[in-house]
């Protein structure tokens, strides 16, 4: 008991001689060491759908003389979120926690359609999104599916399904075109970057289907 009292008293005396700033520094070092042991979860990588419409092969001889307004895309769930949607089983869809789009799906798909139409010269003029000018036509885009298929037992692929409505504005209101297109593109390699690249190519094919349908419409 005597030795115990001596040790306790000595420890208390030692503490009394340490400056307050030293104790604060030791406490800070302990806090930093504790925080360093916690591993931050990886942040998701971001991607954008990228199209390469080009001008080669644009069917300018079939160009419509109309001005078209591209309405904001309607994106159905679960594809309306920014996370990349994948299918790994037959039971349904899930989101990839490590891959997401850098922009909202509505603005991303709308800008992709508008940029494609401008580059392909299908119409006399494609109005900017903030334009107040009147358009003789409105193109509605309904994205029904944009999924990466990772199910086992089959090659990985990205698939897009889109419904387009081309509407004649004014009176009378008239739907000139109502078509739904589905396209799938195999994924070459692995990783979300390759999957989004395949998603972009599949969407390009869908827009080429739209182009073919528009150019076959009667004048």
Protein backbone atom coordinates (compact mmCIF):
# COMPACT_ATOMS: atom_id res chain seq x y z
CA UNK A 1 0.00 0.00 0.00
CA UNK A 2 2.87 2.36 0.87
CA UNK A 3 4.54 1.84 -2.51
CA UNK A 4 1.22 2.40 -4.19
CA UNK A 5 0.73 5.71 -2.48
CA UNK A 6 4.24 6.84 -3.47
CA UNK A 7 3.62 6.03 -7.15
CA UNK A 8 0.29 7.81 -7.16
CA UNK A 9 1.68 10.86 -5.49
CA UNK A 10 4.63 10.92 -7.87
CA UNK A 11 2.36 10.73 -10.90
CA UNK A 12 0.21 13.55 -9.64
CA UNK A 13 3.32 15.63 -9.00
CA UNK A 14 4.61 14.98 -12.52
CA UNK A 15 1.30 16.10 -14.01
CA UNK A 16 1.42 19.29 -12.02
CA UNK A 17 4.78 20.23 -13.59
CA UNK A 18 3.61 19.80 -17.23
CA UNK A 19 2.43 23.06 -18.85
CA UNK A 20 -1.18 23.21 -19.95
CA UNK A 21 -0.09 23.71 -23.56
CA UNK A 22 1.69 20.34 -23.51
CA UNK A 23 -1.45 18.56 -22.39
CA UNK A 24 -3.44 20.25 -25.14
CA UNK A 25 -0.86 19.19 -27.72
CA UNK A 26 -0.93 15.59 -26.49
CA UNK A 27 -4.73 15.54 -26.64
CA UNK A 28 -4.66 16.92 -30.19
CA UNK A 29 -2.17 14.29 -31.30
CA UNK A 30 -4.36 11.55 -29.84
CA UNK A 31 -7.39 12.94 -31.68
CA UNK A 32 -5.53 13.09 -35.00
CA UNK A 33 -4.27 9.54 -34.55
CA UNK A 34 -7.80 8.34 -33.86
CA UNK A 35 -9.20 10.07 -36.94
CA UNK A 36 -6.45 8.68 -39.13
CA UNK A 37 -7.59 5.15 -38.35
CA UNK A 38 -10.98 5.77 -40.01
CA UNK A 39 -10.91 5.05 -43.77
CA UNK A 40 -13.11 7.36 -45.85
CA UNK A 41 -15.36 5.50 -48.31
CA UNK A 42 -14.36 5.89 -51.98
CA UNK A 43 -16.20 8.66 -53.81
CA UNK A 44 -18.19 7.62 -56.90
CA UNK A 45 -16.72 8.38 -60.30
CA UNK A 46 -18.75 10.64 -62.57
CA UNK A 47 -19.53 10.20 -66.26
CA UNK A 48 -21.54 11.82 -69.04
CA UNK A 49 -23.19 10.34 -72.10
CA UNK A 50 -21.05 11.41 -75.05
CA UNK A 51 -22.34 11.33 -78.63
CA UNK A 52 -20.44 11.71 -81.90
CA UNK A 53 -23.08 12.65 -84.46
CA UNK A 54 -20.73 14.26 -86.98
CA UNK A 55 -22.07 15.75 -90.19
CA UNK A 56 -21.03 13.04 -92.60
CA UNK A 57 -24.05 11.21 -93.90
CA UNK A 58 -26.53 13.82 -92.70
CA UNK A 59 -29.54 13.65 -94.98
CA UNK A 60 -29.77 17.33 -95.80
CA UNK A 61 -31.87 16.60 -98.87
CA UNK A 62 -34.64 15.52 -96.50
CA UNK A 63 -34.23 18.41 -94.07
CA UNK A 64 -37.49 19.73 -92.69
CA UNK A 65 -38.13 23.44 -93.09
CA UNK A 66 -39.68 23.53 -89.63
CA UNK A 67 -38.31 24.94 -86.39
CA UNK A 68 -38.29 22.37 -83.58
CA UNK A 69 -38.30 22.79 -79.82
CA UNK A 70 -36.79 19.91 -77.81
CA UNK A 71 -38.83 19.54 -74.64
CA UNK A 72 -37.07 18.48 -71.41
CA UNK A 73 -36.72 14.71 -71.41
CA UNK A 74 -39.06 12.66 -69.25
CA UNK A 75 -36.94 10.04 -67.45
CA UNK A 76 -38.75 7.19 -65.75
CA UNK A 77 -37.66 5.62 -62.47
CA UNK A 78 -35.30 4.08 -61.54
CA UNK A 79 -33.32 5.80 -64.29
CA UNK A 80 -34.23 9.31 -63.11
CA UNK A 81 -31.46 9.37 -60.49
CA UNK A 82 -27.83 10.22 -61.11
CA UNK A 83 -26.49 6.80 -60.15
CA UNK A 84 -25.74 4.31 -62.91
CA UNK A 85 -28.48 1.67 -62.99
CA UNK A 86 -27.40 -1.95 -63.43
CA UNK A 87 -29.09 -5.30 -63.61
CA UNK A 88 -27.24 -8.19 -62.00
CA UNK A 89 -30.11 -10.67 -61.47
CA UNK A 90 -33.53 -11.43 -62.89
CA UNK A 91 -35.20 -9.82 -59.87
CA UNK A 92 -34.80 -6.19 -60.84
CA UNK A 93 -32.50 -3.19 -60.96
CA UNK A 94 -29.96 -1.72 -58.56
CA UNK A 95 -27.68 1.31 -58.58
CA UNK A 96 -23.91 1.30 -58.72
CA UNK A 97 -22.68 3.18 -55.61
CA UNK A 98 -19.35 3.97 -57.28
CA UNK A 99 -20.59 5.39 -60.61
CA UNK A 100 -22.94 8.28 -61.30
CA UNK A 101 -23.68 10.85 -63.98
CA UNK A 102 -22.08 14.28 -63.64
CA UNK A 103 -25.37 16.02 -64.55
CA UNK A 104 -29.02 15.34 -63.84
CA UNK A 105 -30.43 12.73 -66.24
CA UNK A 106 -33.10 15.17 -67.48
CA UNK A 107 -30.58 17.80 -68.60
CA UNK A 108 -28.04 15.21 -69.84
CA UNK A 109 -30.46 13.34 -72.12
CA UNK A 110 -32.16 16.55 -73.30
CA UNK A 111 -28.85 18.18 -74.23
CA UNK A 112 -27.78 14.99 -76.02
CA UNK A 113 -30.90 15.00 -78.20
CA UNK A 114 -30.68 18.72 -78.94
CA UNK A 115 -26.99 18.51 -79.83
CA UNK A 116 -27.62 15.55 -82.11
CA UNK A 117 -30.40 17.30 -84.02
CA UNK A 118 -28.29 20.44 -84.45
CA UNK A 119 -25.35 18.45 -85.82
CA UNK A 120 -27.44 16.29 -88.16
CA UNK A 121 -29.41 19.20 -89.71
CA UNK A 122 -32.72 17.37 -89.66
CA UNK A 123 -34.63 20.62 -89.17
CA UNK A 124 -34.22 24.17 -90.34
CA UNK A 125 -33.58 25.28 -86.79
CA UNK A 126 -33.33 23.70 -83.34
CA UNK A 127 -34.29 26.22 -80.68
CA UNK A 128 -32.05 26.71 -77.61
CA UNK A 129 -33.57 25.65 -74.33
CA UNK A 130 -33.99 29.26 -73.17
CA UNK A 131 -35.42 30.57 -76.45
CA UNK A 132 -38.74 32.43 -76.42
CA UNK A 133 -39.27 32.01 -80.16
CA UNK A 134 -42.21 30.05 -81.47
CA UNK A 135 -41.57 26.59 -82.86
CA UNK A 136 -43.75 24.82 -85.37
CA UNK A 137 -42.77 21.41 -83.94
CA UNK A 138 -42.05 19.99 -80.48
CA UNK A 139 -40.02 16.84 -79.92
CA UNK A 140 -40.78 14.96 -76.69
CA UNK A 141 -38.29 12.41 -75.40
CA UNK A 142 -39.38 9.73 -72.93
CA UNK A 143 -36.42 7.71 -71.64
CA UNK A 144 -37.89 4.38 -70.61
CA UNK A 145 -34.67 2.47 -69.99
CA UNK A 146 -30.95 3.17 -69.68
CA UNK A 147 -29.42 0.16 -67.99
CA UNK A 148 -26.18 -1.77 -67.83
CA UNK A 149 -26.84 -5.51 -67.97
CA UNK A 150 -24.37 -7.40 -65.78
CA UNK A 151 -26.31 -10.63 -65.41
CA UNK A 152 -24.13 -13.73 -65.28
CA UNK A 153 -24.20 -16.17 -68.14
CA UNK A 154 -24.43 -13.57 -70.89
CA UNK A 155 -22.11 -10.93 -72.35
CA UNK A 156 -22.33 -7.55 -70.58
CA UNK A 157 -24.24 -4.92 -72.52
CA UNK A 158 -25.75 -1.45 -72.15
CA UNK A 159 -29.34 -0.97 -73.31
CA UNK A 160 -31.45 2.12 -74.06
CA UNK A 161 -35.17 2.36 -74.77
CA UNK A 162 -36.67 5.71 -75.79
CA UNK A 163 -40.09 6.86 -76.98
CA UNK A 164 -40.17 9.93 -79.22
CA UNK A 165 -43.19 12.06 -80.04
CA UNK A 166 -42.94 14.71 -82.74
CA UNK A 167 -45.86 17.10 -82.33
CA UNK A 168 -47.17 19.79 -84.61
CA UNK A 169 -47.85 22.87 -82.54
CA UNK A 170 -50.76 25.23 -82.93
CA UNK A 171 -54.19 24.34 -84.15
CA UNK A 172 -54.93 21.64 -84.78
CA UNK A 173 -52.65 19.80 -82.32
CA UNK A 174 -51.32 16.80 -84.18
CA UNK A 175 -48.87 14.00 -83.36
CA UNK A 176 -46.77 13.49 -86.47
CA UNK A 177 -44.57 10.71 -85.12
CA UNK A 178 -44.85 8.34 -82.16
CA UNK A 179 -42.10 5.72 -82.15
CA UNK A 180 -40.25 3.69 -79.52
CA UNK A 181 -36.74 2.39 -80.19
CA UNK A 182 -34.57 -0.05 -78.23
CA UNK A 183 -30.89 -0.54 -78.83
CA UNK A 184 -28.22 -2.55 -76.99
CA UNK A 185 -24.46 -2.30 -77.28
CA UNK A 186 -21.92 -4.84 -75.98
CA UNK A 187 -19.51 -3.61 -73.33
CA UNK A 188 -15.89 -4.02 -74.40
CA UNK A 189 -13.78 -4.44 -71.29
CA UNK A 190 -14.78 -3.88 -67.71
CA UNK A 191 -15.60 -0.91 -65.52
CA UNK A 192 -18.22 1.82 -65.44
CA UNK A 193 -16.34 3.94 -67.99
CA UNK A 194 -16.69 1.23 -70.65
CA UNK A 195 -20.32 0.64 -69.67
CA UNK A 196 -21.24 4.33 -70.06
CA UNK A 197 -19.38 4.42 -73.39
CA UNK A 198 -21.53 1.51 -74.59
CA UNK A 199 -24.61 3.33 -73.27
CA UNK A 200 -23.64 6.33 -75.39
CA UNK A 201 -23.27 4.21 -78.54
CA UNK A 202 -26.64 2.56 -77.92
CA UNK A 203 -28.24 6.00 -77.61
CA UNK A 204 -26.57 7.08 -80.86
CA UNK A 205 -28.22 4.14 -82.60
CA UNK A 206 -31.59 5.13 -81.13
CA UNK A 207 -31.16 8.67 -82.48
CA UNK A 208 -30.23 7.30 -85.91
CA UNK A 209 -33.46 5.31 -85.80
CA UNK A 210 -35.28 8.55 -85.03
CA UNK A 211 -33.50 10.26 -87.91
CA UNK A 212 -34.56 7.52 -90.31
CA UNK A 213 -38.16 7.78 -89.12
CA UNK A 214 -38.22 11.57 -89.51
CA UNK A 215 -36.75 11.51 -93.00
CA UNK A 216 -39.36 8.97 -94.11
CA UNK A 217 -42.24 11.19 -93.02
CA UNK A 218 -44.30 12.73 -95.83
CA UNK A 219 -43.70 16.42 -96.45
